[in-house]
Amino acid sequence: MKMPVHFAAARCTARSHVARALNWKTPSRPANDNGEPVGGAFVFDPIMRDALIHFAEFGLSAASQARRNAEDANTRGDVPGCIHWKKICMALDRKQASEFERALIRENEPLIG
C-alpha cells in the first residue's frame, strides 16, 4: 500500500528553519575587521610584521624578550633600536611596554636635593 506525500509549507518564514537557512544574509563586515571598509586597500604595518616574526621565534616570552632588547639598546645608547623594540613590545604586551616606559622616565628624572 502506498502512502501519499503532501507538502506543507511553513506558515511563517521567520519561524521556519528551512526558510532561514535558504535566506541567510551575507555579513556586511568580516568578523576580524580592522575598521577599514570591506575591500579597501591593505595597510602594511612593518612593526606588526616584526612583532609577529619575533613572536614566531620566542613564543609566549616574546614580549619579555623584546623588552630586554629595548633595555639593552637603551643601555648602549641606541635610541632608534630602543624605540623599535619598545614598539614591538607594545604590539605584543601593552602593560609590559608601559612599565618599561615608566622605568625609563624614572631613570631619567633628576634627583631632587
C-alpha atoms as a PDB file:
ATOM      1  CA  MET A   1       0.000   0.000   0.000  1.00  0.00           C
ATOM      2  CA  LYS A   2       1.362   3.401  -0.999  1.00  0.00           C
ATOM      3  CA  MET A   3       1.118   6.425   1.237  1.00  0.00           C
ATOM      4  CA  PRO A   4       0.619   9.858  -0.281  1.00  0.00           C
ATOM      5  CA  VAL A   5       3.219  12.568   0.425  1.00  0.00           C
ATOM      6  CA  HIS A   6       1.883  16.059   0.904  1.00  0.00           C
ATOM      7  CA  PHE A   7       3.887  19.275   1.029  1.00  0.00           C
ATOM      8  CA  ALA A   8       3.045  21.541   3.961  1.00  0.00           C
ATOM      9  CA  ALA A   9       4.559  24.997   3.612  1.00  0.00           C
ATOM     10  CA  ALA A  10       5.561  26.885   6.747  1.00  0.00           C
ATOM     11  CA  ARG A  11       3.042  29.436   7.899  1.00  0.00           C
ATOM     12  CA  CYS A  12       5.651  31.986   8.973  1.00  0.00           C
ATOM     13  CA  THR A  13       9.062  32.187   7.330  1.00  0.00           C
ATOM     14  CA  ALA A  14      10.521  33.850  10.438  1.00  0.00           C
ATOM     15  CA  ARG A  15       9.978  30.604  12.399  1.00  0.00           C
ATOM     16  CA  SER A  16      10.862  28.178   9.623  1.00  0.00           C
ATOM     17  CA  HIS A  17      14.344  26.708   9.940  1.00  0.00           C
ATOM     18  CA  VAL A  18      14.460  25.856   6.251  1.00  0.00           C
ATOM     19  CA  ALA A  19      13.400  29.351   5.161  1.00  0.00           C
ATOM     20  CA  ARG A  20      16.012  30.962   7.406  1.00  0.00           C
ATOM     21  CA  ALA A  21      18.723  28.632   6.113  1.00  0.00           C
ATOM     22  CA  LEU A  22      17.891  29.374   2.496  1.00  0.00           C
ATOM     23  CA  ASN A  23      17.516  33.113   3.019  1.00  0.00           C
ATOM     24  CA  TRP A  24      20.659  33.949   5.016  1.00  0.00           C
ATOM     25  CA  LYS A  25      22.175  37.355   4.518  1.00  0.00           C
ATOM     26  CA  THR A  26      25.852  37.909   3.848  1.00  0.00           C
ATOM     27  CA  PRO A  27      27.583  39.803   6.646  1.00  0.00           C
ATOM     28  CA  SER A  28      28.402  43.397   5.819  1.00  0.00           C
ATOM     29  CA  ARG A  29      31.824  43.209   7.501  1.00  0.00           C
ATOM     30  CA  PRO A  30      34.178  40.334   8.222  1.00  0.00           C
ATOM     31  CA  ALA A  31      34.409  39.205  11.832  1.00  0.00           C
ATOM     32  CA  ASN A  32      38.092  40.089  12.063  1.00  0.00           C
ATOM     33  CA  ASP A  33      37.790  43.548  10.531  1.00  0.00           C
ATOM     34  CA  ASN A  34      40.285  46.279  11.242  1.00  0.00           C
ATOM     35  CA  GLY A  35      37.886  49.188  10.891  1.00  0.00           C
ATOM     36  CA  GLU A  36      38.570  49.675   7.202  1.00  0.00           C
ATOM     37  CA  PRO A  37      35.832  49.284   4.587  1.00  0.00           C
ATOM     38  CA  VAL A  38      35.473  45.799   3.161  1.00  0.00           C
ATOM     39  CA  GLY A  39      37.581  45.532   0.041  1.00  0.00           C
ATOM     40  CA  GLY A  40      39.613  48.598   0.997  1.00  0.00           C
ATOM     41  CA  ALA A  41      43.343  48.895   0.489  1.00  0.00           C
ATOM     42  CA  PHE A  42      45.534  46.850   2.845  1.00  0.00           C
ATOM     43  CA  VAL A  43      47.808  48.978   5.012  1.00  0.00           C
ATOM     44  CA  PHE A  44      51.146  47.291   5.675  1.00  0.00           C
ATOM     45  CA  ASP A  45      52.402  47.739   9.243  1.00  0.00           C
ATOM     46  CA  PRO A  46      56.127  46.904   9.480  1.00  0.00           C
ATOM     47  CA  ILE A  47      56.093  46.905  13.307  1.00  0.00           C
ATOM     48  CA  MET A  48      53.298  44.323  13.379  1.00  0.00           C
ATOM     49  CA  ARG A  49      55.216  42.207  10.863  1.00  0.00           C
ATOM     50  CA  ASP A  50      58.367  42.389  13.006  1.00  0.00           C
ATOM     51  CA  ALA A  51      56.338  41.608  16.139  1.00  0.00           C
ATOM     52  CA  LEU A  52      54.820  38.525  14.507  1.00  0.00           C
ATOM     53  CA  ILE A  53      58.225  37.293  13.348  1.00  0.00           C
ATOM     54  CA  HIS A  54      59.600  37.899  16.858  1.00  0.00           C
ATOM     55  CA  PHE A  55      56.629  36.038  18.356  1.00  0.00           C
ATOM     56  CA  ALA A  56      57.224  33.127  15.990  1.00  0.00           C
ATOM     57  CA  GLU A  57      60.788  32.882  17.262  1.00  0.00           C
ATOM     58  CA  PHE A  58      60.227  33.353  21.014  1.00  0.00           C
ATOM     59  CA  GLY A  59      56.609  32.304  21.568  1.00  0.00           C
ATOM     60  CA  LEU A  60      54.927  33.482  24.766  1.00  0.00           C
ATOM     61  CA  SER A  61      58.153  35.024  26.072  1.00  0.00           C
ATOM     62  CA  ALA A  62      58.418  37.317  23.021  1.00  0.00           C
ATOM     63  CA  ALA A  63      57.207  40.437  24.858  1.00  0.00           C
ATOM     64  CA  SER A  64      59.715  39.924  27.688  1.00  0.00           C
ATOM     65  CA  GLN A  65      62.489  39.346  25.173  1.00  0.00           C
ATOM     66  CA  ALA A  66      61.504  42.490  23.239  1.00  0.00           C
ATOM     67  CA  ARG A  67      61.621  44.463  26.491  1.00  0.00           C
ATOM     68  CA  ARG A  68      65.100  43.081  27.269  1.00  0.00           C
ATOM     69  CA  ASN A  69      66.212  44.036  23.755  1.00  0.00           C
ATOM     70  CA  ALA A  70      64.850  47.558  24.304  1.00  0.00           C
ATOM     71  CA  GLU A  71      66.657  47.788  27.660  1.00  0.00           C
ATOM     72  CA  ASP A  72      69.913  46.622  26.060  1.00  0.00           C
ATOM     73  CA  ALA A  73      69.532  49.146  23.233  1.00  0.00           C
ATOM     74  CA  ASN A  74      68.854  51.893  25.781  1.00  0.00           C
ATOM     75  CA  THR A  75      71.954  50.892  27.770  1.00  0.00           C
ATOM     76  CA  ARG A  76      74.064  51.074  24.593  1.00  0.00           C
ATOM     77  CA  GLY A  77      72.581  54.483  23.759  1.00  0.00           C
ATOM     78  CA  ASP A  78      70.915  53.133  20.625  1.00  0.00           C
ATOM     79  CA  VAL A  79      67.786  55.339  20.622  1.00  0.00           C
ATOM     80  CA  PRO A  80      66.304  54.084  17.305  1.00  0.00           C
ATOM     81  CA  GLY A  81      66.847  50.470  18.398  1.00  0.00           C
ATOM     82  CA  CYS A  82      65.236  51.139  21.761  1.00  0.00           C
ATOM     83  CA  ILE A  83      62.199  52.741  20.113  1.00  0.00           C
ATOM     84  CA  HIS A  84      61.907  49.847  17.644  1.00  0.00           C
ATOM     85  CA  TRP A  85      61.970  47.183  20.371  1.00  0.00           C
ATOM     86  CA  LYS A  86      59.642  49.226  22.570  1.00  0.00           C
ATOM     87  CA  LYS A  87      57.104  49.338  19.709  1.00  0.00           C
ATOM     88  CA  ILE A  88      57.405  45.578  19.240  1.00  0.00           C
ATOM     89  CA  CYS A  89      56.899  45.082  22.973  1.00  0.00           C
ATOM     90  CA  MET A  90      53.853  47.397  22.790  1.00  0.00           C
ATOM     91  CA  ALA A  91      52.373  45.328  19.950  1.00  0.00           C
ATOM     92  CA  LEU A  92      52.805  42.140  21.987  1.00  0.00           C
ATOM     93  CA  ASP A  93      52.070  43.325  25.551  1.00  0.00           C
ATOM     94  CA  ARG A  94      50.899  46.878  26.245  1.00  0.00           C
ATOM     95  CA  LYS A  95      51.211  46.533  30.018  1.00  0.00           C
ATOM     96  CA  GLN A  96      54.833  45.438  29.866  1.00  0.00           C
ATOM     97  CA  ALA A  97      55.683  48.205  27.386  1.00  0.00           C
ATOM     98  CA  SER A  98      54.025  50.793  29.649  1.00  0.00           C
ATOM     99  CA  GLU A  99      56.041  49.525  32.636  1.00  0.00           C
ATOM    100  CA  PHE A 100      59.215  49.849  30.558  1.00  0.00           C
ATOM    101  CA  GLU A 101      58.336  53.428  29.575  1.00  0.00           C
ATOM    102  CA  ARG A 102      57.665  54.334  33.212  1.00  0.00           C
ATOM    103  CA  ALA A 103      61.025  52.818  34.189  1.00  0.00           C
ATOM    104  CA  LEU A 104      62.756  54.929  31.522  1.00  0.00           C
ATOM    105  CA  ILE A 105      61.061  58.070  32.831  1.00  0.00           C
ATOM    106  CA  ARG A 106      62.078  57.290  36.428  1.00  0.00           C
ATOM    107  CA  GLU A 107      65.625  56.534  35.283  1.00  0.00           C
ATOM    108  CA  ASN A 108      65.980  59.890  33.509  1.00  0.00           C
ATOM    109  CA  GLU A 109      64.420  62.046  36.261  1.00  0.00           C
ATOM    110  CA  PRO A 110      66.951  64.129  38.165  1.00  0.00           C
ATOM    111  CA  LEU A 111      67.151  63.601  41.910  1.00  0.00           C
ATOM    112  CA  ILE A 112      65.836  66.474  43.983  1.00  0.00           C
ATOM    113  CA  GLY A 113      68.155  67.817  46.670  1.00  0.00           C
END
